Amino acid sequence: MLTALIVWAIVGLIAGWVAGQLVQGYGFGLVGNLIIGLIGAIVGGLLFNLFGQPGVTGLNIWSIVVSIIGAIVFLWVANLVSRRGA
């Protein structure tokens, strides 16, 4: 159980940092990157499962790619929502 949490944290940090670099041009700090990456892992896993592909499967390149794509989708939707509210 602890190992799984550590793996999710590592994948989340990497995915959140990369997504922050790609979408906003900067990171969101350690905690922000972790949260964005973890949400991205969930979103990416759901999206990939919808298309019949495996989601996050552990500490590997595939899981990081899925999480990055999910984090980018999450940030894109969050930016759209925040622009409409402003």
PDB file of N, CA and C in Angstrom:
ATOM      1  N   MET A   1       0.835  -1.198   0.000  1.00  0.00           N
ATOM      2  CA  MET A   1       0.000   0.000   0.000  1.00  0.00           C
ATOM      3  C   MET A   1       0.881   1.263   0.000  1.00  0.00           C
ATOM      4  N   LEU A   2       1.882   1.279   0.852  1.00  0.00           N
ATOM      5  CA  LEU A   2       2.772   2.435   0.919  1.00  0.00           C
ATOM      6  C   LEU A   2       3.547   2.602  -0.382  1.00  0.00           C
ATOM      7  N   THR A   3       3.950   1.480  -0.963  1.00  0.00           N
ATOM      8  CA  THR A   3       4.673   1.535  -2.233  1.00  0.00           C
ATOM      9  C   THR A   3       3.796   2.135  -3.325  1.00  0.00           C
ATOM     10  N   ALA A   4       2.527   1.750  -3.363  1.00  0.00           N
ATOM     11  CA  ALA A   4       1.604   2.292  -4.362  1.00  0.00           C
ATOM     12  C   ALA A   4       1.440   3.795  -4.197  1.00  0.00           C
ATOM     13  N   LEU A   5       1.357   4.270  -2.969  1.00  0.00           N
ATOM     14  CA  LEU A   5       1.236   5.708  -2.725  1.00  0.00           C
ATOM     15  C   LEU A   5       2.488   6.456  -3.167  1.00  0.00           C
ATOM     16  N   ILE A   6       3.634   5.861  -2.926  1.00  0.00           N
ATOM     17  CA  ILE A   6       4.887   6.491  -3.344  1.00  0.00           C
ATOM     18  C   ILE A   6       4.969   6.544  -4.870  1.00  0.00           C
ATOM     19  N   VAL A   7       4.563   5.454  -5.530  1.00  0.00           N
ATOM     20  CA  VAL A   7       4.560   5.424  -6.999  1.00  0.00           C
ATOM     21  C   VAL A   7       3.622   6.492  -7.539  1.00  0.00           C
ATOM     22  N   TRP A   8       2.401   6.604  -6.993  1.00  0.00           N
ATOM     23  CA  TRP A   8       1.452   7.624  -7.441  1.00  0.00           C
ATOM     24  C   TRP A   8       2.018   9.024  -7.224  1.00  0.00           C
ATOM     25  N   ALA A   9       2.712   9.226  -6.100  1.00  0.00           N
ATOM     26  CA  ALA A   9       3.300  10.541  -5.828  1.00  0.00           C
ATOM     27  C   ALA A   9       4.389  10.869  -6.841  1.00  0.00           C
ATOM     28  N   ILE A  10       5.231   9.897  -7.168  1.00  0.00           N
ATOM     29  CA  ILE A  10       6.303  10.134  -8.137  1.00  0.00           C
ATOM     30  C   ILE A  10       5.726  10.428  -9.513  1.00  0.00           C
ATOM     31  N   VAL A  11       4.786   9.585  -9.952  1.00  0.00           N
ATOM     32  CA  VAL A  11       4.142   9.799 -11.255  1.00  0.00           C
ATOM     33  C   VAL A  11       3.423  11.146 -11.264  1.00  0.00           C
ATOM     34  N   GLY A  12       2.736  11.467 -10.170  1.00  0.00           N
ATOM     35  CA  GLY A  12       2.018  12.734 -10.079  1.00  0.00           C
ATOM     36  C   GLY A  12       2.929  13.941 -10.158  1.00  0.00           C
ATOM     37  N   LEU A  13       4.069  13.888  -9.466  1.00  0.00           N
ATOM     38  CA  LEU A  13       5.006  15.005  -9.511  1.00  0.00           C
ATOM     39  C   LEU A  13       5.570  15.205 -10.915  1.00  0.00           C
ATOM     40  N   ILE A  14       5.958  14.117 -11.546  1.00  0.00           N
ATOM     41  CA  ILE A  14       6.514  14.223 -12.897  1.00  0.00           C
ATOM     42  C   ILE A  14       5.463  14.757 -13.858  1.00  0.00           C
ATOM     43  N   ALA A  15       4.265  14.166 -13.830  1.00  0.00           N
ATOM     44  CA  ALA A  15       3.199  14.575 -14.752  1.00  0.00           C
ATOM     45  C   ALA A  15       2.769  16.016 -14.502  1.00  0.00           C
ATOM     46  N   GLY A  16       2.635  16.407 -13.244  1.00  0.00           N
ATOM     47  CA  GLY A  16       2.233  17.773 -12.929  1.00  0.00           C
ATOM     48  C   GLY A  16       3.268  18.790 -13.374  1.00  0.00           C
ATOM     49  N   TRP A  17       4.533  18.469 -13.165  1.00  0.00           N
ATOM     50  CA  TRP A  17       5.588  19.390 -13.573  1.00  0.00           C
ATOM     51  C   TRP A  17       5.602  19.545 -15.091  1.00  0.00           C
ATOM     52  N   VAL A  18       5.564  18.428 -15.828  1.00  0.00           N
ATOM     53  CA  VAL A  18       5.596  18.487 -17.293  1.00  0.00           C
ATOM     54  C   VAL A  18       4.366  19.220 -17.821  1.00  0.00           C
ATOM     55  N   ALA A  19       3.195  18.911 -17.293  1.00  0.00           N
ATOM     56  CA  ALA A  19       1.975  19.588 -17.746  1.00  0.00           C
ATOM     57  C   ALA A  19       2.052  21.084 -17.462  1.00  0.00           C
ATOM     58  N   GLY A  20       2.591  21.458 -16.308  1.00  0.00           N
ATOM     59  CA  GLY A  20       2.754  22.880 -15.987  1.00  0.00           C
ATOM     60  C   GLY A  20       3.685  23.570 -16.957  1.00  0.00           C
ATOM     61  N   GLN A  21       4.730  22.880 -17.362  1.00  0.00           N
ATOM     62  CA  GLN A  21       5.660  23.449 -18.335  1.00  0.00           C
ATOM     63  C   GLN A  21       5.008  23.612 -19.699  1.00  0.00           C
ATOM     64  N   LEU A  22       4.201  22.651 -20.094  1.00  0.00           N
ATOM     65  CA  LEU A  22       3.595  22.679 -21.423  1.00  0.00           C
ATOM     66  C   LEU A  22       2.401  23.623 -21.524  1.00  0.00           C
ATOM     67  N   VAL A  23       1.575  23.674 -20.495  1.00  0.00           N
ATOM     68  CA  VAL A  23       0.336  24.458 -20.565  1.00  0.00           C
ATOM     69  C   VAL A  23       0.537  25.896 -20.122  1.00  0.00           C
ATOM     70  N   GLN A  24       1.186  26.099 -19.014  1.00  0.00           N
ATOM     71  CA  GLN A  24       1.315  27.444 -18.465  1.00  0.00           C
ATOM     72  C   GLN A  24       2.686  28.061 -18.695  1.00  0.00           C
ATOM     73  N   GLY A  25       3.675  27.240 -18.984  1.00  0.00           N
ATOM     74  CA  GLY A  25       5.020  27.751 -19.165  1.00  0.00           C
ATOM     75  C   GLY A  25       5.820  27.804 -17.878  1.00  0.00           C
ATOM     76  N   TYR A  26       5.244  27.339 -16.771  1.00  0.00           N
ATOM     77  CA  TYR A  26       5.960  27.293 -15.498  1.00  0.00           C
ATOM     78  C   TYR A  26       5.293  26.256 -14.608  1.00  0.00           C
ATOM     79  N   GLY A  27       5.994  25.850 -13.566  1.00  0.00           N
ATOM     80  CA  GLY A  27       5.442  24.872 -12.641  1.00  0.00           C
ATOM     81  C   GLY A  27       4.532  25.537 -11.617  1.00  0.00           C
ATOM     82  N   PHE A  28       3.908  24.723 -10.802  1.00  0.00           N
ATOM     83  CA  PHE A  28       2.978  25.223  -9.792  1.00  0.00           C
ATOM     84  C   PHE A  28       3.468  24.952  -8.384  1.00  0.00           C
ATOM     85  N   GLY A  29       4.753  24.705  -8.227  1.00  0.00           N
ATOM     86  CA  GLY A  29       5.299  24.358  -6.923  1.00  0.00           C
ATOM     87  C   GLY A  29       5.113  22.873  -6.650  1.00  0.00           C
ATOM     88  N   LEU A  30       5.778  22.390  -5.644  1.00  0.00           N
ATOM     89  CA  LEU A  30       5.778  20.964  -5.341  1.00  0.00           C
ATOM     90  C   LEU A  30       4.372  20.429  -5.086  1.00  0.00           C
ATOM     91  N   VAL A  31       3.623  21.068  -4.213  1.00  0.00           N
ATOM     92  CA  VAL A  31       2.285  20.584  -3.872  1.00  0.00           C
ATOM     93  C   VAL A  31       1.336  20.748  -5.057  1.00  0.00           C
ATOM     94  N   GLY A  32       1.399  21.877  -5.740  1.00  0.00           N
ATOM     95  CA  GLY A  32       0.534  22.102  -6.902  1.00  0.00           C
ATOM     96  C   GLY A  32       0.796  21.098  -8.008  1.00  0.00           C
ATOM     97  N   ASN A  33       2.073  20.828  -8.287  1.00  0.00           N
ATOM     98  CA  ASN A  33       2.423  19.837  -9.297  1.00  0.00           C
ATOM     99  C   ASN A  33       1.919  18.449  -8.917  1.00  0.00           C
ATOM    100  N   LEU A  34       2.046  18.110  -7.649  1.00  0.00           N
ATOM    101  CA  LEU A  34       1.589  16.801  -7.187  1.00  0.00           C
ATOM    102  C   LEU A  34       0.081  16.668  -7.368  1.00  0.00           C
ATOM    103  N   ILE A  35      -0.663  17.676  -6.971  1.00  0.00           N
ATOM    104  CA  ILE A  35      -2.124  17.627  -7.086  1.00  0.00           C
ATOM    105  C   ILE A  35      -2.550  17.561  -8.543  1.00  0.00           C
ATOM    106  N   ILE A  36      -1.975  18.405  -9.383  1.00  0.00           N
ATOM    107  CA  ILE A  36      -2.314  18.406 -10.810  1.00  0.00           C
ATOM    108  C   ILE A  36      -1.954  17.062 -11.444  1.00  0.00           C
ATOM    109  N   GLY A  37      -0.800  16.521 -11.088  1.00  0.00           N
ATOM    110  CA  GLY A  37      -0.383  15.237 -11.628  1.00  0.00           C
ATOM    111  C   GLY A  37      -1.277  14.093 -11.184  1.00  0.00           C
ATOM    112  N   LEU A  38      -1.694  14.097  -9.922  1.00  0.00           N
ATOM    113  CA  LEU A  38      -2.585  13.046  -9.438  1.00  0.00           C
ATOM    114  C   LEU A  38      -3.953  13.141 -10.094  1.00  0.00           C
ATOM    115  N   ILE A  39      -4.481  14.348 -10.223  1.00  0.00           N
ATOM    116  CA  ILE A  39      -5.750  14.520 -10.941  1.00  0.00           C
ATOM    117  C   ILE A  39      -5.563  14.104 -12.391  1.00  0.00           C
ATOM    118  N   GLY A  40      -4.421  14.457 -12.966  1.00  0.00           N
ATOM    119  CA  GLY A  40      -4.124  14.064 -14.341  1.00  0.00           C
ATOM    120  C   GLY A  40      -4.073  12.564 -14.519  1.00  0.00           C
ATOM    121  N   ALA A  41      -3.529  11.853 -13.542  1.00  0.00           N
ATOM    122  CA  ALA A  41      -3.482  10.387 -13.615  1.00  0.00           C
ATOM    123  C   ALA A  41      -4.888   9.810 -13.632  1.00  0.00           C
ATOM    124  N   ILE A  42      -5.771  10.378 -12.832  1.00  0.00           N
ATOM    125  CA  ILE A  42      -7.160   9.909 -12.796  1.00  0.00           C
ATOM    126  C   ILE A  42      -7.863  10.237 -14.107  1.00  0.00           C
ATOM    127  N   VAL A  43      -7.748  11.486 -14.550  1.00  0.00           N
ATOM    128  CA  VAL A  43      -8.390  11.911 -15.801  1.00  0.00           C
ATOM    129  C   VAL A  43      -7.830  11.116 -16.979  1.00  0.00           C
ATOM    130  N   GLY A  44      -6.511  11.005 -17.051  1.00  0.00           N
ATOM    131  CA  GLY A  44      -5.881  10.259 -18.142  1.00  0.00           C
ATOM    132  C   GLY A  44      -6.292   8.798 -18.138  1.00  0.00           C
ATOM    133  N   GLY A  45      -6.327   8.193 -16.950  1.00  0.00           N
ATOM    134  CA  GLY A  45      -6.754   6.799 -16.843  1.00  0.00           C
ATOM    135  C   GLY A  45      -8.175   6.609 -17.336  1.00  0.00           C
ATOM    136  N   LEU A  46      -9.065   7.522 -16.945  1.00  0.00           N
ATOM    137  CA  LEU A  46     -10.460   7.439 -17.401  1.00  0.00           C
ATOM    138  C   LEU A  46     -10.568   7.614 -18.916  1.00  0.00           C
ATOM    139  N   LEU A  47      -9.860   8.602 -19.445  1.00  0.00           N
ATOM    140  CA  LEU A  47      -9.908   8.839 -20.891  1.00  0.00           C
ATOM    141  C   LEU A  47      -9.362   7.659 -21.685  1.00  0.00           C
ATOM    142  N   PHE A  48      -8.230   7.142 -21.252  1.00  0.00           N
ATOM    143  CA  PHE A  48      -7.628   6.024 -21.975  1.00  0.00           C
ATOM    144  C   PHE A  48      -8.494   4.772 -21.869  1.00  0.00           C
ATOM    145  N   ASN A  49      -9.118   4.544 -20.706  1.00  0.00           N
ATOM    146  CA  ASN A  49     -10.016   3.405 -20.563  1.00  0.00           C
ATOM    147  C   ASN A  49     -11.238   3.538 -21.459  1.00  0.00           C
ATOM    148  N   LEU A  50     -11.720   4.764 -21.659  1.00  0.00           N
ATOM    149  CA  LEU A  50     -12.849   4.989 -22.568  1.00  0.00           C
ATOM    150  C   LEU A  50     -12.530   4.552 -23.991  1.00  0.00           C
ATOM    151  N   PHE A  51     -11.272   4.684 -24.377  1.00  0.00           N
ATOM    152  CA  PHE A  51     -10.841   4.320 -25.723  1.00  0.00           C
ATOM    153  C   PHE A  51     -10.223   2.918 -25.777  1.00  0.00           C
ATOM    154  N   GLY A  52     -10.413   2.135 -24.697  1.00  0.00           N
ATOM    155  CA  GLY A  52      -9.959   0.754 -24.693  1.00  0.00           C
ATOM    156  C   GLY A  52      -8.479   0.549 -24.450  1.00  0.00           C
ATOM    157  N   GLN A  53      -7.800   1.561 -23.954  1.00  0.00           N
ATOM    158  CA  GLN A  53      -6.369   1.477 -23.673  1.00  0.00           C
ATOM    159  C   GLN A  53      -6.156   1.401 -22.158  1.00  0.00           C
ATOM    160  N   PRO A  54      -5.040   0.813 -21.735  1.00  0.00           N
ATOM    161  CA  PRO A  54      -4.771   0.780 -20.295  1.00  0.00           C
ATOM    162  C   PRO A  54      -4.453   2.176 -19.769  1.00  0.00           C
ATOM    163  N   GLY A  55      -4.845   2.421 -18.540  1.00  0.00           N
ATOM    164  CA  GLY A  55      -4.545   3.704 -17.909  1.00  0.00           C
ATOM    165  C   GLY A  55      -3.205   3.649 -17.210  1.00  0.00           C
ATOM    166  N   VAL A  56      -3.169   4.143 -16.003  1.00  0.00           N
ATOM    167  CA  VAL A  56      -1.942   4.150 -15.207  1.00  0.00           C
ATOM    168  C   VAL A  56      -1.702   2.729 -14.691  1.00  0.00           C
ATOM    169  N   THR A  57      -0.516   2.197 -14.985  1.00  0.00           N
ATOM    170  CA  THR A  57      -0.227   0.803 -14.654  1.00  0.00           C
ATOM    171  C   THR A  57       0.934   0.637 -13.679  1.00  0.00           C
ATOM    172  N   GLY A  58       1.501   1.700 -13.194  1.00  0.00           N
ATOM    173  CA  GLY A  58       2.625   1.618 -12.261  1.00  0.00           C
ATOM    174  C   GLY A  58       3.653   2.687 -12.567  1.00  0.00           C
ATOM    175  N   LEU A  59       4.857   2.485 -12.089  1.00  0.00           N
ATOM    176  CA  LEU A  59       5.929   3.451 -12.313  1.00  0.00           C
ATOM    177  C   LEU A  59       6.648   3.083 -13.608  1.00  0.00           C
ATOM    178  N   ASN A  60       6.120   3.592 -14.726  1.00  0.00           N
ATOM    179  CA  ASN A  60       6.701   3.319 -16.037  1.00  0.00           C
ATOM    180  C   ASN A  60       6.386   4.488 -16.969  1.00  0.00           C
ATOM    181  N   ILE A  61       6.988   4.472 -18.127  1.00  0.00           N
ATOM    182  CA  ILE A  61       6.821   5.575 -19.082  1.00  0.00           C
ATOM    183  C   ILE A  61       5.360   5.715 -19.499  1.00  0.00           C
ATOM    184  N   TRP A  62       4.676   4.593 -19.760  1.00  0.00           N
ATOM    185  CA  TRP A  62       3.283   4.649 -20.189  1.00  0.00           C
ATOM    186  C   TRP A  62       2.426   5.396 -19.161  1.00  0.00           C
ATOM    187  N   SER A  63       2.573   5.073 -17.899  1.00  0.00           N
ATOM    188  CA  SER A  63       1.782   5.729 -16.856  1.00  0.00           C
ATOM    189  C   SER A  63       2.074   7.224 -16.786  1.00  0.00           C
ATOM    190  N   ILE A  64       3.331   7.588 -16.956  1.00  0.00           N
ATOM    191  CA  ILE A  64       3.702   8.999 -16.934  1.00  0.00           C
ATOM    192  C   ILE A  64       3.077   9.726 -18.120  1.00  0.00           C
ATOM    193  N   VAL A  65       3.114   9.105 -19.309  1.00  0.00           N
ATOM    194  CA  VAL A  65       2.508   9.714 -20.504  1.00  0.00           C
ATOM    195  C   VAL A  65       1.000   9.875 -20.312  1.00  0.00           C
ATOM    196  N   VAL A  66       0.340   8.832 -19.812  1.00  0.00           N
ATOM    197  CA  VAL A  66      -1.109   8.901 -19.562  1.00  0.00           C
ATOM    198  C   VAL A  66      -1.409  10.017 -18.566  1.00  0.00           C
ATOM    199  N   SER A  67      -0.626  10.109 -17.505  1.00  0.00           N
ATOM    200  CA  SER A  67      -0.841  11.139 -16.488  1.00  0.00           C
ATOM    201  C   SER A  67      -0.590  12.539 -17.029  1.00  0.00           C
ATOM    202  N   ILE A  68       0.433  12.700 -17.864  1.00  0.00           N
ATOM    203  CA  ILE A  68       0.713  14.008 -18.464  1.00  0.00           C
ATOM    204  C   ILE A  68      -0.440  14.431 -19.365  1.00  0.00           C
ATOM    205  N   ILE A  69      -0.918  13.517 -20.189  1.00  0.00           N
ATOM    206  CA  ILE A  69      -2.056  13.845 -21.070  1.00  0.00           C
ATOM    207  C   ILE A  69      -3.279  14.196 -20.242  1.00  0.00           C
ATOM    208  N   GLY A  70      -3.547  13.428 -19.200  1.00  0.00           N
ATOM    209  CA  GLY A  70      -4.673  13.737 -18.318  1.00  0.00           C
ATOM    210  C   GLY A  70      -4.521  15.083 -17.623  1.00  0.00           C
ATOM    211  N   ALA A  71      -3.307  15.398 -17.176  1.00  0.00           N
ATOM    212  CA  ALA A  71      -3.064  16.686 -16.511  1.00  0.00           C
ATOM    213  C   ALA A  71      -3.226  17.846 -17.487  1.00  0.00           C
ATOM    214  N   ILE A  72      -2.784  17.657 -18.730  1.00  0.00           N
ATOM    215  CA  ILE A  72      -2.955  18.710 -19.738  1.00  0.00           C
ATOM    216  C   ILE A  72      -4.435  18.925 -20.020  1.00  0.00           C
ATOM    217  N   VAL A  73      -5.191  17.850 -20.152  1.00  0.00           N
ATOM    218  CA  VAL A  73      -6.644  17.975 -20.369  1.00  0.00           C
ATOM    219  C   VAL A  73      -7.281  18.679 -19.175  1.00  0.00           C
ATOM    220  N   PHE A  74      -6.893  18.291 -17.970  1.00  0.00           N
ATOM    221  CA  PHE A  74      -7.433  18.924 -16.764  1.00  0.00           C
ATOM    222  C   PHE A  74      -7.120  20.421 -16.735  1.00  0.00           C
ATOM    223  N   LEU A  75      -5.877  20.795 -17.027  1.00  0.00           N
ATOM    224  CA  LEU A  75      -5.509  22.212 -17.025  1.00  0.00           C
ATOM    225  C   LEU A  75      -6.220  22.980 -18.133  1.00  0.00           C
ATOM    226  N   TRP A  76      -6.385  22.366 -19.282  1.00  0.00           N
ATOM    227  CA  TRP A  76      -7.081  23.012 -20.394  1.00  0.00           C
ATOM    228  C   TRP A  76      -8.537  23.295 -20.010  1.00  0.00           C
ATOM    229  N   VAL A  77      -9.207  22.310 -19.425  1.00  0.00           N
ATOM    230  CA  VAL A  77     -10.602  22.499 -18.998  1.00  0.00           C
ATOM    231  C   VAL A  77     -10.668  23.538 -17.879  1.00  0.00           C
ATOM    232  N   ALA A  78      -9.739  23.484 -16.932  1.00  0.00           N
ATOM    233  CA  ALA A  78      -9.724  24.463 -15.835  1.00  0.00           C
ATOM    234  C   ALA A  78      -9.524  25.877 -16.363  1.00  0.00           C
ATOM    235  N   ASN A  79      -8.662  26.039 -17.371  1.00  0.00           N
ATOM    236  CA  ASN A  79      -8.466  27.359 -17.974  1.00  0.00           C
ATOM    237  C   ASN A  79      -9.728  27.839 -18.676  1.00  0.00           C
ATOM    238  N   LEU A  80     -10.420  26.940 -19.367  1.00  0.00           N
ATOM    239  CA  LEU A  80     -11.679  27.317 -20.026  1.00  0.00           C
ATOM    240  C   LEU A  80     -12.726  27.756 -19.012  1.00  0.00           C
ATOM    241  N   VAL A  81     -12.844  27.008 -17.939  1.00  0.00           N
ATOM    242  CA  VAL A  81     -13.835  27.329 -16.909  1.00  0.00           C
ATOM    243  C   VAL A  81     -13.493  28.644 -16.233  1.00  0.00           C
ATOM    244  N   SER A  82     -12.224  28.873 -15.929  1.00  0.00           N
ATOM    245  CA  SER A  82     -11.842  30.105 -15.245  1.00  0.00           C
ATOM    246  C   SER A  82     -12.015  31.321 -16.134  1.00  0.00           C
ATOM    247  N   ARG A  83     -11.836  31.178 -17.431  1.00  0.00           N
ATOM    248  CA  ARG A  83     -12.040  32.297 -18.349  1.00  0.00           C
ATOM    249  C   ARG A  83     -13.515  32.655 -18.465  1.00  0.00           C
ATOM    250  N   ARG A  84     -14.372  31.662 -18.425  1.00  0.00           N
ATOM    251  CA  ARG A  84     -15.814  31.934 -18.524  1.00  0.00           C
ATOM    252  C   ARG A  84     -16.317  32.611 -17.268  1.00  0.00           C
ATOM    253  N   GLY A  85     -15.722  32.257 -16.119  1.00  0.00           N
ATOM    254  CA  GLY A  85     -16.151  32.842 -14.858  1.00  0.00           C
ATOM    255  C   GLY A  85     -15.656  34.260 -14.671  1.00  0.00           C
ATOM    256  N   ALA A  86     -14.624  34.648 -15.386  1.00  0.00           N
ATOM    257  CA  ALA A  86     -14.034  35.971 -15.181  1.00  0.00           C
ATOM    258  C   ALA A  86     -14.739  37.041 -15.955  1.00  0.00           C
TER     259      ALA A  86
END
